[in-house]
Amino acid sequence: MVETTAAWTEDLIRFLQSQPGVAAVRVNPSDRTVAVATLGQIDVPAVEAQLAEREEKGLIRDPI
């Protein structure tokens, strides 16, 4: 499970780093929570929709 959790974390971080305005990402894989620091305003609903789409397509793997 460690490899799967690490892969999920890496996938998520790569996705968030590709988003304009995202400056830092903190992931807690055991709680499945994410904290994101931004520079300026970002379109949160758009990022959430893109994240859900990537997860649905299997581009961000579920650690469970």
N, C-alpha and C. Protein backbone atom coordinates (compact mmCIF):
# COMPACT_ATOMS: atom_id res chain seq x y z
N MET A 1 0.81 -1.21 0.00
CA MET A 1 0.00 0.00 0.00
C MET A 1 0.86 1.27 0.00
N VAL A 2 2.06 1.20 0.52
CA VAL A 2 2.93 2.38 0.56
C VAL A 2 3.21 2.88 -0.84
N GLU A 3 3.52 1.97 -1.78
CA GLU A 3 3.80 2.38 -3.15
C GLU A 3 2.57 3.04 -3.78
N THR A 4 1.39 2.48 -3.55
CA THR A 4 0.17 3.04 -4.12
C THR A 4 -0.11 4.42 -3.55
N THR A 5 0.05 4.58 -2.23
CA THR A 5 -0.16 5.88 -1.60
C THR A 5 0.83 6.89 -2.14
N ALA A 6 2.09 6.49 -2.29
CA ALA A 6 3.11 7.39 -2.82
C ALA A 6 2.77 7.80 -4.25
N ALA A 7 2.31 6.84 -5.06
CA ALA A 7 1.96 7.16 -6.45
C ALA A 7 0.80 8.14 -6.49
N TRP A 8 -0.20 7.93 -5.64
CA TRP A 8 -1.35 8.83 -5.60
C TRP A 8 -0.89 10.24 -5.21
N THR A 9 -0.04 10.32 -4.22
CA THR A 9 0.45 11.62 -3.76
C THR A 9 1.23 12.31 -4.87
N GLU A 10 2.11 11.58 -5.55
CA GLU A 10 2.89 12.16 -6.65
C GLU A 10 1.99 12.62 -7.79
N ASP A 11 1.00 11.81 -8.14
CA ASP A 11 0.06 12.18 -9.21
C ASP A 11 -0.67 13.47 -8.86
N LEU A 12 -1.14 13.54 -7.63
CA LEU A 12 -1.90 14.71 -7.18
C LEU A 12 -1.02 15.95 -7.17
N ILE A 13 0.18 15.84 -6.65
CA ILE A 13 1.08 16.99 -6.60
C ILE A 13 1.43 17.45 -8.01
N ARG A 14 1.73 16.51 -8.92
CA ARG A 14 2.04 16.90 -10.31
C ARG A 14 0.88 17.67 -10.93
N PHE A 15 -0.34 17.18 -10.70
CA PHE A 15 -1.51 17.87 -11.25
C PHE A 15 -1.62 19.28 -10.68
N LEU A 16 -1.53 19.41 -9.36
CA LEU A 16 -1.70 20.73 -8.75
C LEU A 16 -0.58 21.69 -9.13
N GLN A 17 0.63 21.18 -9.29
CA GLN A 17 1.74 22.04 -9.70
C GLN A 17 1.54 22.56 -11.12
N SER A 18 0.77 21.87 -11.92
CA SER A 18 0.53 22.31 -13.29
C SER A 18 -0.53 23.41 -13.36
N GLN A 19 -1.18 23.69 -12.24
CA GLN A 19 -2.25 24.69 -12.22
C GLN A 19 -1.66 26.09 -12.01
N PRO A 20 -2.06 27.05 -12.84
CA PRO A 20 -1.57 28.41 -12.67
C PRO A 20 -1.98 28.95 -11.29
N GLY A 21 -1.06 29.59 -10.63
CA GLY A 21 -1.35 30.21 -9.35
C GLY A 21 -1.08 29.34 -8.14
N VAL A 22 -0.87 28.04 -8.34
CA VAL A 22 -0.57 27.16 -7.21
C VAL A 22 0.91 27.30 -6.87
N ALA A 23 1.20 27.71 -5.64
CA ALA A 23 2.57 27.95 -5.22
C ALA A 23 3.13 26.81 -4.37
N ALA A 24 2.30 26.15 -3.59
CA ALA A 24 2.76 25.06 -2.73
C ALA A 24 1.61 24.10 -2.47
N VAL A 25 1.98 22.85 -2.24
CA VAL A 25 0.99 21.81 -1.99
C VAL A 25 1.45 20.99 -0.78
N ARG A 26 0.53 20.76 0.15
CA ARG A 26 0.80 19.87 1.28
C ARG A 26 -0.27 18.78 1.25
N VAL A 27 0.19 17.53 1.20
CA VAL A 27 -0.71 16.38 1.10
C VAL A 27 -0.54 15.51 2.34
N ASN A 28 -1.67 15.11 2.91
CA ASN A 28 -1.68 14.14 4.01
C ASN A 28 -2.38 12.90 3.46
N PRO A 29 -1.59 11.93 2.94
CA PRO A 29 -2.21 10.77 2.30
C PRO A 29 -3.03 9.90 3.25
N SER A 30 -2.66 9.84 4.51
CA SER A 30 -3.43 8.99 5.43
C SER A 30 -4.83 9.54 5.67
N ASP A 31 -4.95 10.87 5.70
CA ASP A 31 -6.27 11.51 5.86
C ASP A 31 -6.91 11.86 4.53
N ARG A 32 -6.14 11.75 3.45
CA ARG A 32 -6.58 12.12 2.10
C ARG A 32 -7.04 13.58 2.07
N THR A 33 -6.20 14.45 2.69
CA THR A 33 -6.48 15.88 2.66
C THR A 33 -5.36 16.59 1.92
N VAL A 34 -5.71 17.73 1.36
CA VAL A 34 -4.76 18.52 0.58
C VAL A 34 -4.89 19.98 1.00
N ALA A 35 -3.75 20.63 1.21
CA ALA A 35 -3.73 22.08 1.44
C ALA A 35 -2.94 22.70 0.30
N VAL A 36 -3.48 23.77 -0.27
CA VAL A 36 -2.85 24.41 -1.42
C VAL A 36 -2.65 25.89 -1.11
N ALA A 37 -1.43 26.36 -1.31
CA ALA A 37 -1.13 27.79 -1.19
C ALA A 37 -1.09 28.37 -2.60
N THR A 38 -1.74 29.50 -2.78
CA THR A 38 -1.82 30.09 -4.11
C THR A 38 -1.23 31.50 -4.12
N LEU A 39 -0.86 31.92 -5.30
CA LEU A 39 -0.47 33.30 -5.54
C LEU A 39 -1.62 33.94 -6.30
N GLY A 40 -2.35 34.80 -5.62
CA GLY A 40 -3.52 35.39 -6.24
C GLY A 40 -4.71 34.45 -6.19
N GLN A 41 -5.73 34.80 -6.94
CA GLN A 41 -6.98 34.03 -6.96
C GLN A 41 -6.88 32.89 -7.97
N ILE A 42 -7.45 31.75 -7.62
CA ILE A 42 -7.59 30.66 -8.59
C ILE A 42 -9.07 30.29 -8.67
N ASP A 43 -9.43 29.66 -9.75
CA ASP A 43 -10.82 29.22 -9.95
C ASP A 43 -10.97 27.85 -9.29
N VAL A 44 -11.33 27.82 -8.02
CA VAL A 44 -11.41 26.58 -7.24
C VAL A 44 -12.37 25.57 -7.88
N PRO A 45 -13.58 25.97 -8.26
CA PRO A 45 -14.47 24.97 -8.89
C PRO A 45 -13.87 24.37 -10.17
N ALA A 46 -13.16 25.16 -10.95
CA ALA A 46 -12.55 24.64 -12.18
C ALA A 46 -11.45 23.63 -11.85
N VAL A 47 -10.62 23.92 -10.85
CA VAL A 47 -9.56 23.00 -10.44
C VAL A 47 -10.18 21.72 -9.88
N GLU A 48 -11.21 21.84 -9.07
CA GLU A 48 -11.88 20.65 -8.52
C GLU A 48 -12.48 19.80 -9.63
N ALA A 49 -13.07 20.44 -10.63
CA ALA A 49 -13.66 19.70 -11.75
C ALA A 49 -12.58 18.98 -12.55
N GLN A 50 -11.46 19.65 -12.80
CA GLN A 50 -10.36 19.02 -13.52
C GLN A 50 -9.79 17.85 -12.73
N LEU A 51 -9.67 18.02 -11.43
CA LEU A 51 -9.16 16.96 -10.57
C LEU A 51 -10.10 15.75 -10.60
N ALA A 52 -11.39 15.99 -10.49
CA ALA A 52 -12.37 14.90 -10.53
C ALA A 52 -12.32 14.17 -11.88
N GLU A 53 -12.17 14.93 -12.95
CA GLU A 53 -12.09 14.34 -14.28
C GLU A 53 -10.85 13.46 -14.41
N ARG A 54 -9.71 13.94 -13.93
CA ARG A 54 -8.46 13.16 -14.00
C ARG A 54 -8.57 11.90 -13.16
N GLU A 55 -9.19 12.01 -11.99
CA GLU A 55 -9.36 10.83 -11.14
C GLU A 55 -10.28 9.81 -11.81
N GLU A 56 -11.34 10.32 -12.42
CA GLU A 56 -12.28 9.44 -13.12
C GLU A 56 -11.62 8.69 -14.27
N LYS A 57 -10.70 9.36 -14.95
CA LYS A 57 -9.99 8.75 -16.09
C LYS A 57 -8.83 7.87 -15.63
N GLY A 58 -8.58 7.85 -14.32
CA GLY A 58 -7.49 7.02 -13.81
C GLY A 58 -6.14 7.69 -13.88
N LEU A 59 -6.11 9.00 -14.16
CA LEU A 59 -4.84 9.70 -14.24
C LEU A 59 -4.29 10.03 -12.87
N ILE A 60 -5.16 10.04 -11.87
CA ILE A 60 -4.75 10.16 -10.48
C ILE A 60 -5.31 8.92 -9.80
N ARG A 61 -4.41 8.07 -9.36
CA ARG A 61 -4.81 6.77 -8.81
C ARG A 61 -5.28 6.88 -7.39
N ASP A 62 -6.30 6.13 -7.07
CA ASP A 62 -6.83 6.07 -5.71
C ASP A 62 -5.93 5.19 -4.86
N PRO A 63 -5.52 5.67 -3.68
CA PRO A 63 -4.58 4.88 -2.87
C PRO A 63 -5.22 3.69 -2.17
N ILE A 64 -6.52 3.52 -2.27
CA ILE A 64 -7.17 2.41 -1.55
C ILE A 64 -7.30 1.20 -2.43
